[in-house]
N, C-alpha and C. Protein backbone atom coordinates (compact mmCIF):
# COMPACT_ATOMS: atom_id res chain seq x y z
N UNK A 1 98.44 117.53 144.35
CA UNK A 1 98.34 118.18 143.03
C UNK A 1 99.00 118.77 142.15
N UNK A 2 99.24 118.16 141.25
CA UNK A 2 100.33 119.69 140.53
C UNK A 2 99.94 120.03 139.24
N UNK A 3 100.12 121.40 139.76
CA UNK A 3 99.41 122.89 138.88
C UNK A 3 100.49 123.38 138.30
N UNK A 4 99.96 124.06 136.80
CA UNK A 4 100.87 124.63 136.17
C UNK A 4 100.73 126.22 136.73
N UNK A 5 102.12 127.21 136.32
CA UNK A 5 101.90 128.08 137.00
C UNK A 5 101.86 129.30 135.83
N UNK A 6 99.84 129.21 136.02
CA UNK A 6 99.57 130.08 135.11
C UNK A 6 98.53 130.80 135.66
N UNK A 7 98.11 132.13 135.64
CA UNK A 7 96.97 132.34 135.61
C UNK A 7 95.25 132.27 135.60
N UNK A 8 94.58 132.17 136.60
CA UNK A 8 93.66 131.59 136.32
C UNK A 8 92.84 132.42 136.13
N UNK A 9 92.87 132.64 134.29
CA UNK A 9 91.73 133.41 133.65
C UNK A 9 90.96 132.39 132.85
N UNK A 10 90.06 133.10 132.58
CA UNK A 10 88.38 132.35 131.75
C UNK A 10 89.60 131.95 130.60
N UNK A 11 90.19 132.87 129.65
CA UNK A 11 91.05 132.58 128.33
C UNK A 11 91.74 131.21 128.59
N UNK A 12 92.70 131.37 129.69
CA UNK A 12 93.70 130.08 130.50
C UNK A 12 92.93 129.28 130.23
N UNK A 13 91.80 128.68 130.89
CA UNK A 13 91.48 127.81 130.93
C UNK A 13 90.95 127.26 130.09
N UNK A 14 90.47 127.90 129.00
CA UNK A 14 89.73 127.79 127.64
C UNK A 14 91.45 127.35 126.63
N UNK A 15 92.52 127.77 126.44
CA UNK A 15 93.68 126.77 125.99
C UNK A 15 94.29 126.05 126.58
N UNK A 16 93.88 125.69 128.17
CA UNK A 16 94.29 124.71 128.55
C UNK A 16 93.57 123.11 128.42
N UNK A 17 92.17 123.65 127.95
CA UNK A 17 91.27 122.03 127.58
C UNK A 17 91.73 122.04 126.43
N UNK A 18 92.19 122.88 125.81
CA UNK A 18 92.17 122.35 123.97
C UNK A 18 93.70 121.91 123.84
N UNK A 19 94.86 122.26 125.26
CA UNK A 19 96.00 121.39 125.03
C UNK A 19 95.92 120.40 125.89
N UNK A 20 94.34 120.08 126.61
CA UNK A 20 94.31 118.65 127.28
C UNK A 20 93.95 118.03 125.93
N UNK A 21 92.87 118.27 125.78
CA UNK A 21 92.39 117.50 124.22
C UNK A 21 93.23 116.89 123.23
N UNK A 22 94.67 118.01 122.67
CA UNK A 22 95.52 117.56 122.13
C UNK A 22 96.26 116.26 122.37
N UNK A 23 96.47 116.70 123.95
CA UNK A 23 97.50 115.69 124.68
C UNK A 23 96.97 114.28 125.04
N UNK A 24 95.72 114.00 125.06
CA UNK A 24 94.97 113.08 125.54
C UNK A 24 94.61 111.94 124.02
N UNK A 25 94.65 112.69 123.14
CA UNK A 25 94.33 112.32 120.99
C UNK A 25 95.77 111.94 121.38
N UNK A 26 97.09 112.39 121.33
CA UNK A 26 98.43 112.16 121.04
C UNK A 26 98.85 110.86 122.01
N UNK A 27 97.75 110.88 123.60
CA UNK A 27 98.19 109.42 124.29
C UNK A 27 97.74 108.51 123.33
N UNK A 28 96.59 109.13 122.85
CA UNK A 28 95.82 107.51 122.17
C UNK A 28 97.04 107.13 121.26
N UNK A 29 97.17 107.98 120.36
CA UNK A 29 98.06 107.69 119.34
C UNK A 29 99.27 107.13 119.62
N UNK A 30 99.66 107.44 120.47
CA UNK A 30 101.39 106.65 121.02
C UNK A 30 100.70 105.26 121.79
N UNK A 31 100.14 105.38 122.22
CA UNK A 31 99.74 103.94 122.49
C UNK A 31 99.25 103.03 121.68
N UNK A 32 98.40 103.15 120.64
CA UNK A 32 98.09 102.87 119.78
C UNK A 32 99.81 102.10 118.70
N UNK A 33 100.67 103.47 118.79
CA UNK A 33 101.38 102.81 117.54
C UNK A 33 102.53 101.99 118.98
N UNK A 34 102.51 102.16 119.88
CA UNK A 34 103.67 101.17 120.95
C UNK A 34 102.73 100.20 120.73
N UNK A 35 101.73 99.75 121.18
CA UNK A 35 100.79 98.68 120.61
C UNK A 35 101.30 97.36 119.04
N UNK A 36 100.85 98.72 118.44
CA UNK A 36 101.56 97.61 116.67
C UNK A 36 103.06 97.44 116.79
N UNK A 37 103.77 98.55 117.58
CA UNK A 37 105.31 98.13 117.47
C UNK A 37 105.61 96.71 118.22
N UNK A 38 104.98 96.59 119.05
CA UNK A 38 104.79 95.89 120.24
C UNK A 38 105.04 94.48 118.99
N UNK A 39 103.48 94.49 118.69
CA UNK A 39 103.22 92.97 118.32
C UNK A 39 103.87 93.00 116.82
N UNK A 40 104.19 94.20 116.06
CA UNK A 40 105.24 93.67 114.90
C UNK A 40 106.72 93.20 115.56
N UNK A 41 107.53 93.38 116.84
CA UNK A 41 108.05 92.96 117.40
C UNK A 41 107.93 91.76 117.92
N UNK A 42 107.49 91.54 118.04
CA UNK A 42 106.91 90.21 118.57
C UNK A 42 107.39 89.00 117.63
N UNK A 43 106.66 88.99 116.37
CA UNK A 43 106.25 88.75 115.22
C UNK A 43 108.23 87.89 114.82
N UNK A 44 108.74 89.74 114.94
CA UNK A 44 110.54 89.53 114.57
C UNK A 44 110.92 88.70 115.45
N UNK A 45 110.83 88.67 116.66
CA UNK A 45 111.41 87.74 117.27
C UNK A 45 111.30 86.13 117.53
N UNK A 46 110.12 85.92 117.37
CA UNK A 46 109.87 84.57 116.89
C UNK A 46 110.51 84.11 115.75
N UNK A 47 110.12 85.16 114.62
CA UNK A 47 111.28 84.89 113.50
C UNK A 47 112.68 84.30 113.51
N UNK A 48 113.15 85.13 114.30
CA UNK A 48 114.48 85.40 114.76
C UNK A 48 114.98 84.25 115.72
N UNK A 49 114.17 83.90 116.24
CA UNK A 49 114.81 82.63 117.24
C UNK A 49 114.71 81.19 116.14
N UNK A 50 113.44 80.91 115.27
CA UNK A 50 113.33 80.08 114.96
C UNK A 50 114.86 80.11 113.75
N UNK A 51 115.09 81.54 113.12
CA UNK A 51 116.43 81.44 112.21
C UNK A 51 117.59 81.15 112.86
N UNK A 52 117.85 81.86 113.66
CA UNK A 52 118.64 81.57 114.57
C UNK A 52 119.12 80.21 114.86
N UNK A 53 118.05 79.48 115.52
CA UNK A 53 118.27 78.36 115.67
C UNK A 53 119.02 77.24 114.72
N UNK A 54 118.17 77.86 113.41
CA UNK A 54 118.38 77.11 112.35
C UNK A 54 119.92 77.39 111.90
N UNK A 55 120.66 78.64 112.00
CA UNK A 55 122.01 78.78 110.89
C UNK A 55 122.66 78.18 112.28
N UNK A 56 122.45 78.27 113.73
CA UNK A 56 123.39 77.72 114.64
C UNK A 56 123.51 76.06 114.52
N UNK A 57 122.79 75.31 113.54
CA UNK A 57 122.95 74.19 113.29
C UNK A 57 123.38 74.10 112.08
N UNK A 58 122.81 74.99 111.29
CA UNK A 58 124.07 74.98 109.83
C UNK A 58 124.94 75.16 110.21
N UNK A 59 125.51 76.19 111.19
CA UNK A 59 127.21 76.14 111.33
C UNK A 59 127.60 75.18 111.63
N UNK A 60 127.22 74.53 112.59
CA UNK A 60 127.46 72.88 113.00
C UNK A 60 128.24 71.99 111.76
N UNK A 61 126.94 72.63 111.34
CA UNK A 61 127.27 71.42 110.14
C UNK A 61 128.66 71.45 109.27
N UNK A 62 128.53 72.85 109.06
CA UNK A 62 129.45 73.31 108.17
C UNK A 62 131.23 72.93 108.64
N UNK A 63 131.10 73.44 109.75
CA UNK A 63 132.21 73.51 110.86
C UNK A 63 132.54 71.78 111.16
N UNK A 64 131.66 70.75 110.91
CA UNK A 64 131.80 69.25 110.86
C UNK A 64 132.47 69.09 109.22
N UNK A 65 132.19 69.41 108.52
CA UNK A 65 132.63 69.82 107.02
C UNK A 65 134.10 70.03 107.22
N UNK A 66 134.36 71.25 108.08
CA UNK A 66 135.62 71.76 107.51
C UNK A 66 137.01 70.63 108.59
N UNK A 67 136.20 70.28 109.89
CA UNK A 67 136.64 69.75 110.48
C UNK A 67 137.42 68.21 109.60
N UNK A 68 136.30 67.84 109.08
CA UNK A 68 136.83 66.51 108.35
C UNK A 68 137.89 66.44 107.19
N UNK A 69 137.66 67.91 106.64
CA UNK A 69 138.69 68.35 106.00
C UNK A 69 140.29 68.42 106.04
N UNK A 70 140.67 69.33 107.58
CA UNK A 70 141.77 69.37 108.26
C UNK A 70 141.97 67.80 108.57
N UNK A 71 141.28 67.18 108.67
CA UNK A 71 141.86 65.84 109.46
C UNK A 71 142.45 65.15 107.92
N UNK A 72 141.64 65.57 106.84
CA UNK A 72 142.66 64.43 105.97
C UNK A 72 143.44 65.67 104.77
N UNK A 73 143.33 67.19 105.23
CA UNK A 73 144.53 67.96 104.35
C UNK A 73 145.52 68.67 105.40
N UNK A 74 146.47 68.63 105.32
CA UNK A 74 147.54 69.23 106.19
C UNK A 74 146.99 70.81 106.37
N UNK A 75 147.80 71.53 107.41
CA UNK A 75 147.13 73.10 107.57
C UNK A 75 147.64 73.89 106.49
N UNK A 76 148.55 73.80 105.65
CA UNK A 76 149.17 73.90 104.54
C UNK A 76 148.55 74.31 103.51
N UNK A 77 147.89 73.08 102.87
CA UNK A 77 147.26 72.63 102.26
C UNK A 77 145.93 73.31 101.85
N UNK A 78 145.16 73.36 102.95
CA UNK A 78 143.90 73.49 103.70
C UNK A 78 144.01 75.62 103.48
N UNK A 79 145.26 76.03 104.02
CA UNK A 79 145.23 77.56 103.73
C UNK A 79 145.40 77.72 102.43
N UNK A 80 146.43 77.02 101.72
CA UNK A 80 146.43 77.31 100.19
C UNK A 80 145.55 77.42 99.44
N UNK A 81 144.42 76.43 99.65
CA UNK A 81 142.61 76.47 98.78
C UNK A 81 142.36 77.71 99.31
N UNK A 82 141.99 78.09 99.92
CA UNK A 82 141.06 79.28 99.99
C UNK A 82 141.92 80.28 100.90
N UNK A 83 142.98 80.56 100.26
CA UNK A 83 143.89 81.77 100.10
C UNK A 83 143.22 82.93 98.89
N UNK A 84 143.10 82.52 97.56
CA UNK A 84 142.81 82.95 96.42
C UNK A 84 140.87 83.11 96.37
N UNK A 85 140.07 83.80 96.75
CA UNK A 85 138.55 83.40 96.43
C UNK A 85 138.41 83.98 95.03
N UNK A 86 137.17 83.47 94.43
CA UNK A 86 137.44 83.67 92.61
C UNK A 86 135.63 84.45 92.99
N UNK A 87 135.42 83.98 94.15
CA UNK A 87 133.22 84.83 94.16
C UNK A 87 134.01 85.90 94.86
N UNK A 88 132.88 86.93 94.81
CA UNK A 88 133.00 87.94 95.94
C UNK A 88 130.98 88.47 95.98
N UNK A 89 130.89 88.62 96.99
CA UNK A 89 129.49 88.50 96.93
C UNK A 89 129.31 90.21 97.95
N UNK A 90 128.32 90.91 97.24
CA UNK A 90 128.04 92.50 97.79
C UNK A 90 126.61 92.52 98.93
N UNK A 91 126.67 93.01 99.47
CA UNK A 91 125.77 93.26 100.50
C UNK A 91 125.04 94.63 100.02
N UNK A 92 123.53 94.59 99.39
CA UNK A 92 123.50 95.94 99.51
C UNK A 92 122.43 96.75 100.34
N UNK A 93 122.32 97.88 101.20
CA UNK A 93 121.51 98.06 102.49
C UNK A 93 120.39 99.40 101.57
N UNK A 94 119.42 98.47 102.03
CA UNK A 94 117.98 99.22 102.05
C UNK A 94 117.14 99.24 103.33
N UNK A 95 116.22 100.70 103.06
CA UNK A 95 115.27 100.36 104.45
C UNK A 95 113.46 100.30 104.11
N UNK A 96 112.57 100.19 104.87
CA UNK A 96 111.34 100.41 105.09
C UNK A 96 110.99 100.85 106.13
N UNK A 97 109.65 101.63 106.11
CA UNK A 97 109.70 102.00 107.47
C UNK A 97 108.34 101.76 108.14
N UNK A 98 108.64 101.40 109.20
CA UNK A 98 107.47 100.48 110.07
C UNK A 98 107.15 101.49 111.05
N UNK A 99 106.25 102.49 111.47
CA UNK A 99 105.69 103.01 112.26
C UNK A 99 107.07 103.60 112.78
N UNK A 100 107.37 104.13 111.50
CA UNK A 100 108.40 105.52 111.86
C UNK A 100 109.88 105.14 111.55
N UNK A 101 109.39 103.56 112.13
CA UNK A 101 111.28 103.48 112.31
C UNK A 101 111.59 102.80 110.66
N UNK A 102 113.02 102.81 110.81
CA UNK A 102 113.77 102.39 109.52
C UNK A 102 114.27 101.24 109.61
N UNK A 103 114.17 100.30 109.40
CA UNK A 103 114.10 98.54 109.20
C UNK A 103 115.37 98.45 108.24
N UNK A 104 115.96 98.05 108.19
CA UNK A 104 116.94 97.97 107.20
C UNK A 104 116.75 96.35 106.39
N UNK A 105 116.99 96.70 105.37
CA UNK A 105 116.88 95.01 104.17
C UNK A 105 117.98 94.90 103.53
N UNK A 106 118.37 93.69 103.99
CA UNK A 106 120.08 93.11 102.88
C UNK A 106 119.76 92.37 102.09
N UNK A 107 120.47 92.39 100.79
CA UNK A 107 119.99 91.63 99.65
C UNK A 107 121.46 91.39 99.07
N UNK A 108 122.18 90.29 98.76
CA UNK A 108 123.64 90.17 98.31
C UNK A 108 123.22 89.79 96.98
N UNK A 109 124.27 90.06 96.25
CA UNK A 109 124.77 89.83 95.12
C UNK A 109 126.10 89.16 94.39
N UNK A 110 126.00 88.87 93.83
CA UNK A 110 127.33 87.82 93.73
C UNK A 110 128.09 88.41 92.68
N UNK A 111 129.41 88.61 92.35
CA UNK A 111 129.73 89.16 91.01
C UNK A 111 129.79 88.23 89.98
N UNK A 112 129.82 87.56 89.91
CA UNK A 112 129.71 86.36 88.95
C UNK A 112 128.48 85.14 89.16
N UNK A 113 127.61 84.66 88.52
CA UNK A 113 126.21 83.42 88.39
C UNK A 113 126.93 82.12 88.29
N UNK A 114 128.33 82.34 87.92
CA UNK A 114 129.06 80.78 87.74
C UNK A 114 128.70 80.39 88.81
N UNK A 115 127.92 78.79 89.66
CA UNK A 115 128.28 78.14 90.39
C UNK A 115 129.31 77.84 91.53
N UNK A 116 130.20 77.58 90.26
CA UNK A 116 131.80 76.90 90.47
C UNK A 116 132.55 77.62 90.79
N UNK A 117 132.36 79.08 91.03
CA UNK A 117 133.20 80.37 91.47
C UNK A 117 133.31 80.21 92.96
N UNK A 118 132.49 79.22 93.78
CA UNK A 118 132.14 79.06 94.77
C UNK A 118 133.55 78.73 95.33
N UNK A 119 134.51 78.08 94.53
CA UNK A 119 135.94 77.10 94.94
C UNK A 119 136.51 77.31 94.74
N UNK A 120 137.81 78.31 95.58
CA UNK A 120 138.45 78.96 95.14
C UNK A 120 139.99 77.99 94.42
N UNK A 121 139.53 76.81 94.67
CA UNK A 121 140.99 75.75 94.13
C UNK A 121 140.60 74.61 92.95
N UNK A 122 141.63 74.64 92.30
CA UNK A 122 141.49 73.17 92.23
C UNK A 122 141.03 71.98 92.56
N UNK A 123 140.47 71.30 92.15
CA UNK A 123 139.86 70.06 92.87
C UNK A 123 141.03 69.19 92.51
N UNK A 124 141.82 68.68 91.83
CA UNK A 124 142.86 67.73 91.78
C UNK A 124 144.07 67.47 93.27
N UNK A 125 143.90 68.60 94.17
CA UNK A 125 144.64 68.79 95.43
C UNK A 125 143.91 68.58 96.58
N UNK A 126 142.48 68.87 96.41
CA UNK A 126 141.91 69.15 97.51
C UNK A 126 140.53 67.49 97.44
N UNK A 127 140.35 67.60 99.06
CA UNK A 127 139.19 66.36 99.12
C UNK A 127 137.60 66.78 99.37
N UNK A 128 136.81 65.86 98.88
CA UNK A 128 135.48 66.16 99.05
C UNK A 128 135.38 67.04 100.21
N UNK A 129 135.77 66.47 101.18
CA UNK A 129 135.35 67.29 102.88
C UNK A 129 134.95 68.40 102.92
N UNK A 130 136.48 69.32 102.06
CA UNK A 130 136.49 70.56 101.57
C UNK A 130 135.31 70.97 100.57
N UNK A 131 135.03 70.18 99.54
CA UNK A 131 134.14 70.64 98.87
C UNK A 131 132.67 70.81 99.55
N UNK A 132 132.04 69.91 100.41
CA UNK A 132 131.17 69.88 101.16
C UNK A 132 131.29 71.18 102.41
N UNK A 133 132.77 71.42 102.76
CA UNK A 133 132.16 72.63 103.52
C UNK A 133 131.86 73.96 103.11
N UNK A 134 132.64 74.04 101.98
CA UNK A 134 132.65 75.14 101.00
C UNK A 134 131.31 75.69 100.84
N UNK A 135 130.85 74.39 100.51
CA UNK A 135 128.92 74.53 99.74
C UNK A 135 128.20 74.41 100.84
N UNK A 136 128.50 73.73 101.56
CA UNK A 136 127.35 74.24 102.88
C UNK A 136 127.67 75.89 103.61
N UNK A 137 128.96 76.20 103.79
CA UNK A 137 128.74 77.25 104.13
C UNK A 137 128.57 78.72 102.77
N UNK A 138 128.02 77.88 101.64
CA UNK A 138 127.97 79.11 100.82
C UNK A 138 126.23 78.92 100.57
N UNK A 139 125.86 77.78 101.09
CA UNK A 139 124.00 77.52 101.33
C UNK A 139 123.68 78.92 102.53
N UNK A 140 125.02 78.42 103.27
CA UNK A 140 124.25 79.12 104.86
C UNK A 140 124.58 80.96 104.75
N UNK A 141 125.23 81.16 103.54
CA UNK A 141 125.32 82.51 103.49
C UNK A 141 123.66 83.53 103.28
N UNK A 142 122.81 83.20 102.82
CA UNK A 142 121.90 83.77 102.80
C UNK A 142 120.68 84.13 104.10
N UNK A 143 120.80 82.93 104.52
CA UNK A 143 120.66 82.80 105.79
C UNK A 143 121.07 83.40 106.76
N UNK A 144 122.36 83.79 107.05
CA UNK A 144 123.50 84.64 108.13
C UNK A 144 122.86 85.64 107.58
N UNK A 145 122.80 86.31 106.28
CA UNK A 145 122.32 87.61 106.43
C UNK A 145 120.99 88.03 106.62
N UNK A 146 120.22 87.15 106.05
CA UNK A 146 118.90 87.61 107.04
C UNK A 146 118.76 87.53 108.23
N UNK A 147 119.59 86.73 108.90
CA UNK A 147 119.38 86.82 110.42
C UNK A 147 120.18 88.08 111.08
N UNK A 148 120.88 88.69 110.02
CA UNK A 148 121.39 90.09 111.06
C UNK A 148 120.96 90.75 110.50
N UNK A 149 119.50 91.09 109.15
CA UNK A 149 118.32 92.00 108.91
C UNK A 149 118.00 91.49 110.17
N UNK A 150 117.56 90.96 110.65
CA UNK A 150 116.33 90.70 111.52
C UNK A 150 116.91 91.01 112.82
N UNK A 151 118.18 90.73 113.18
CA UNK A 151 118.45 91.00 114.60
C UNK A 151 118.32 92.38 114.37
N UNK A 152 118.85 92.95 113.61
CA UNK A 152 119.41 94.28 113.07
C UNK A 152 117.69 94.81 113.70
N UNK A 153 116.49 94.78 112.93
CA UNK A 153 115.08 95.37 113.32
C UNK A 153 114.56 95.19 113.98
N UNK A 154 115.10 93.95 114.62
CA UNK A 154 114.92 94.12 116.27
C UNK A 154 115.34 95.27 117.30
N UNK A 155 116.76 95.53 117.26
CA UNK A 155 117.31 96.17 118.20
C UNK A 155 116.96 97.63 117.80
N UNK A 156 116.85 98.36 116.58
CA UNK A 156 115.91 99.24 116.10
C UNK A 156 114.65 99.52 116.67
N UNK A 157 113.90 98.57 116.90
CA UNK A 157 112.27 98.76 117.21
C UNK A 157 112.42 98.87 118.57
N UNK A 158 112.98 97.68 119.43
CA UNK A 158 113.14 98.14 120.75
C UNK A 158 113.06 99.02 121.48
N UNK A 159 114.49 99.79 120.69
CA UNK A 159 114.93 101.04 120.97
C UNK A 159 113.35 102.08 120.37
N UNK A 160 112.93 101.95 119.99
CA UNK A 160 111.55 102.60 119.12
C UNK A 160 110.78 102.65 120.66
N UNK A 161 109.97 100.74 120.70
CA UNK A 161 109.34 100.57 121.65
C UNK A 161 109.44 101.96 122.97
N UNK A 162 110.55 101.61 123.44
CA UNK A 162 111.18 102.41 124.76
C UNK A 162 111.14 103.60 124.94
N UNK A 163 111.76 104.11 123.70
CA UNK A 163 111.05 105.47 123.41
C UNK A 163 109.65 106.02 123.94
N UNK A 164 108.71 104.80 122.58
CA UNK A 164 106.80 105.54 122.80
C UNK A 164 106.55 104.77 124.05
N UNK A 165 107.02 104.32 124.94
CA UNK A 165 106.96 103.69 126.20
C UNK A 165 107.24 104.98 126.86
N UNK A 166 107.61 105.78 127.65
CA UNK A 166 108.53 106.37 128.12
C UNK A 166 107.26 107.61 127.54
N UNK A 167 106.98 108.46 126.57
CA UNK A 167 106.28 109.47 125.95
C UNK A 167 104.98 108.99 126.39
N UNK A 168 104.53 107.80 125.61
CA UNK A 168 102.59 106.95 126.76
C UNK A 168 102.97 107.43 128.83
N UNK A 169 104.15 106.89 129.25
CA UNK A 169 103.85 107.31 130.05
C UNK A 169 104.29 108.80 130.87
N UNK A 170 104.86 109.59 130.33
CA UNK A 170 105.08 110.58 130.58
C UNK A 170 103.19 111.23 130.30
N UNK A 171 102.60 111.30 129.40
CA UNK A 171 101.73 111.71 128.68
C UNK A 171 100.97 111.20 129.80
N UNK A 172 100.17 110.13 130.14
CA UNK A 172 99.79 109.58 130.99
C UNK A 172 99.61 109.77 132.77
N UNK A 173 100.77 109.78 132.94
CA UNK A 173 101.45 110.01 134.37
C UNK A 173 101.98 111.51 134.73
N UNK A 174 102.08 112.15 134.06
CA UNK A 174 102.89 113.53 134.09
C UNK A 174 101.81 114.89 133.52
N UNK A 175 101.54 114.92 132.56
CA UNK A 175 101.31 115.51 131.71
C UNK A 175 99.87 116.05 131.71
N UNK A 176 99.13 114.70 131.41
CA UNK A 176 97.60 114.73 131.24
C UNK A 176 97.15 115.60 132.56
N UNK A 177 97.66 114.61 133.92
CA UNK A 177 97.21 114.87 135.08
C UNK A 177 97.35 116.56 135.58
N UNK A 178 98.86 117.17 135.52
CA UNK A 178 98.61 118.22 135.35
C UNK A 178 97.97 119.18 134.76
N UNK A 179 97.64 119.17 133.52
CA UNK A 179 96.89 119.62 132.82
C UNK A 179 95.39 119.62 133.58
N UNK A 180 94.53 118.82 133.91
CA UNK A 180 93.58 118.42 134.60
C UNK A 180 93.48 118.60 135.86
N UNK A 181 94.44 119.00 136.52
CA UNK A 181 94.38 119.32 138.19
C UNK A 181 94.61 121.10 137.76
N UNK A 182 95.20 121.63 136.71
CA UNK A 182 95.51 122.83 136.69
C UNK A 182 93.80 123.21 136.04
N UNK A 183 93.06 122.63 134.98
CA UNK A 183 92.24 122.88 134.72
C UNK A 183 90.75 123.12 136.05
N UNK A 184 91.30 122.10 136.78
CA UNK A 184 90.01 122.09 137.97
C UNK A 184 90.57 123.37 138.89
N UNK A 185 91.38 123.33 139.68
CA UNK A 185 91.78 125.20 139.93
C UNK A 185 91.35 125.40 139.44
N UNK A 186 91.57 126.42 138.02
CA UNK A 186 91.27 127.72 137.57
C UNK A 186 89.62 127.56 137.77
N UNK A 187 88.95 126.49 137.33
CA UNK A 187 87.64 126.30 137.44
C UNK A 187 87.17 126.76 138.66
N UNK A 188 87.60 126.13 139.72
CA UNK A 188 87.32 126.58 140.96
C UNK A 188 87.42 127.68 141.37
N UNK A 189 88.73 128.26 141.22
CA UNK A 189 88.62 130.02 141.35
C UNK A 189 88.11 130.49 140.48
N UNK A 190 87.72 130.60 139.47
CA UNK A 190 87.17 131.05 138.53
C UNK A 190 85.15 131.03 139.48
N UNK A 191 85.27 130.00 140.06
CA UNK A 191 83.79 129.81 140.07
C UNK A 191 83.68 130.59 141.70
N UNK A 192 84.73 130.64 142.56
CA UNK A 192 85.09 131.01 143.95
C UNK A 192 84.59 132.90 143.77
N UNK A 193 85.77 133.26 142.01
CA UNK A 193 85.51 134.49 142.27
C UNK A 193 84.29 134.86 141.53
N UNK A 194 83.29 134.17 140.70
CA UNK A 194 82.29 134.55 140.56
C UNK A 194 81.16 134.35 141.63
N UNK A 195 81.01 133.82 142.58
CA UNK A 195 80.56 133.75 144.20
C UNK A 195 80.68 134.89 144.46
N UNK A 196 82.16 135.33 144.89
CA UNK A 196 82.47 136.30 145.70
C UNK A 196 81.74 137.41 144.80
N UNK A 197 81.48 137.89 143.74
CA UNK A 197 81.40 138.68 142.65
C UNK A 197 79.86 139.04 142.87
N UNK A 198 79.01 137.45 142.75
CA UNK A 198 77.73 137.48 143.23
C UNK A 198 77.14 138.10 144.63
N UNK A 199 78.07 138.03 145.84
CA UNK A 199 77.76 138.17 147.18
C UNK A 199 77.94 140.38 147.34
N UNK A 200 79.12 140.42 146.31
CA UNK A 200 79.59 141.99 146.17
C UNK A 200 78.17 142.44 145.23
N UNK A 201 77.70 142.35 144.54
CA UNK A 201 76.73 142.53 143.89
C UNK A 201 75.45 143.01 144.70
N UNK A 202 74.73 141.71 145.49
CA UNK A 202 73.96 141.57 146.78
C UNK A 202 73.68 142.58 147.59
N UNK A 203 75.06 142.92 148.01
CA UNK A 203 75.82 143.71 149.10
C UNK A 203 75.15 144.85 148.96
N UNK A 204 76.01 145.56 147.48
CA UNK A 204 75.35 146.92 146.98
C UNK A 204 74.33 146.78 146.47
N UNK A 205 73.27 145.92 146.30
CA UNK A 205 72.00 145.98 145.57
C UNK A 205 71.27 146.36 146.74
N UNK A 206 71.39 145.72 148.13
CA UNK A 206 71.26 145.76 149.64
C UNK A 206 71.17 147.11 149.96
N UNK A 207 72.42 147.35 149.87
CA UNK A 207 72.73 149.45 150.50
C UNK A 207 71.59 150.09 149.54
N UNK A 208 71.80 149.78 148.21
CA UNK A 208 71.29 150.72 147.15
C UNK A 208 69.76 150.94 147.42
N UNK A 209 69.23 149.25 148.14
CA UNK A 209 67.39 149.51 148.46
C UNK A 209 67.32 150.03 149.54
N UNK A 210 68.37 149.56 150.97
CA UNK A 210 68.72 150.55 151.86
C UNK A 210 68.25 151.44 151.73
N UNK A 211 69.65 152.49 151.17
CA UNK A 211 69.32 154.14 150.95
C UNK A 211 67.97 153.85 150.49
N UNK A 212 67.66 153.75 149.17
CA UNK A 212 66.24 153.97 148.28
C UNK A 212 65.10 153.99 149.19
N UNK A 213 65.23 152.92 150.12
CA UNK A 213 64.11 152.73 151.29
C UNK A 213 64.32 154.38 152.19
N UNK A 214 65.01 154.11 152.76
CA UNK A 214 65.48 155.63 153.89
C UNK A 214 64.77 157.08 152.76
N UNK A 215 65.57 157.06 151.98
CA UNK A 215 65.34 158.34 151.52
C UNK A 215 63.12 158.56 151.25
N UNK A 216 63.34 157.32 150.63
CA UNK A 216 61.29 157.28 150.47
C UNK A 216 60.97 158.09 151.60
N UNK A 217 61.07 156.95 152.92
CA UNK A 217 60.58 156.87 154.18
C UNK A 217 60.72 158.67 154.73
N UNK A 218 61.74 159.59 154.02
CA UNK A 218 61.48 161.18 154.19
C UNK A 218 60.68 161.90 153.34
């Protein structure tokens, strides 16, 4: 029995009962939070799995195009073609609150709206295989950014779930039982004191009656 080091008084008993009620409410709220976090986390994990499989397939496709390009172009020509990019992508980071967890949101903005700026070279001395590689990588970029967003969200939610789980377990297996045991202990002590007080009063009453009876006998 885990009992707190407190004085067994009625005032302390009332205080502990209020604290126990607060702990029970907090425990329920945290369990609800944990369950909702788990639900949303599992949804994200499923989305992450599907998107990762898609991205890996697209990356293999991009890699195949670059391999084909390197087969028909010299390394020097390939490196020179990609050395001075025209386009630039800026990533804007914001967030949204999900059950007190700040989930990141990434959005990409290109420096120009000209679709041709994804090619950092002229077409006269390059192969169409390189064009395919650059285009496939450009098409892959939104999925890569989305995948990064989801994986970071999963990481943050997983950490919050673990913290919430520890707090739920602490309340459920440590704090609430301690409150309950201490309340039970104080209640027993108060009942014991009440019985002792009643016994003493009865003895005093008997003594007074006996004394009154003897006096009345004289």
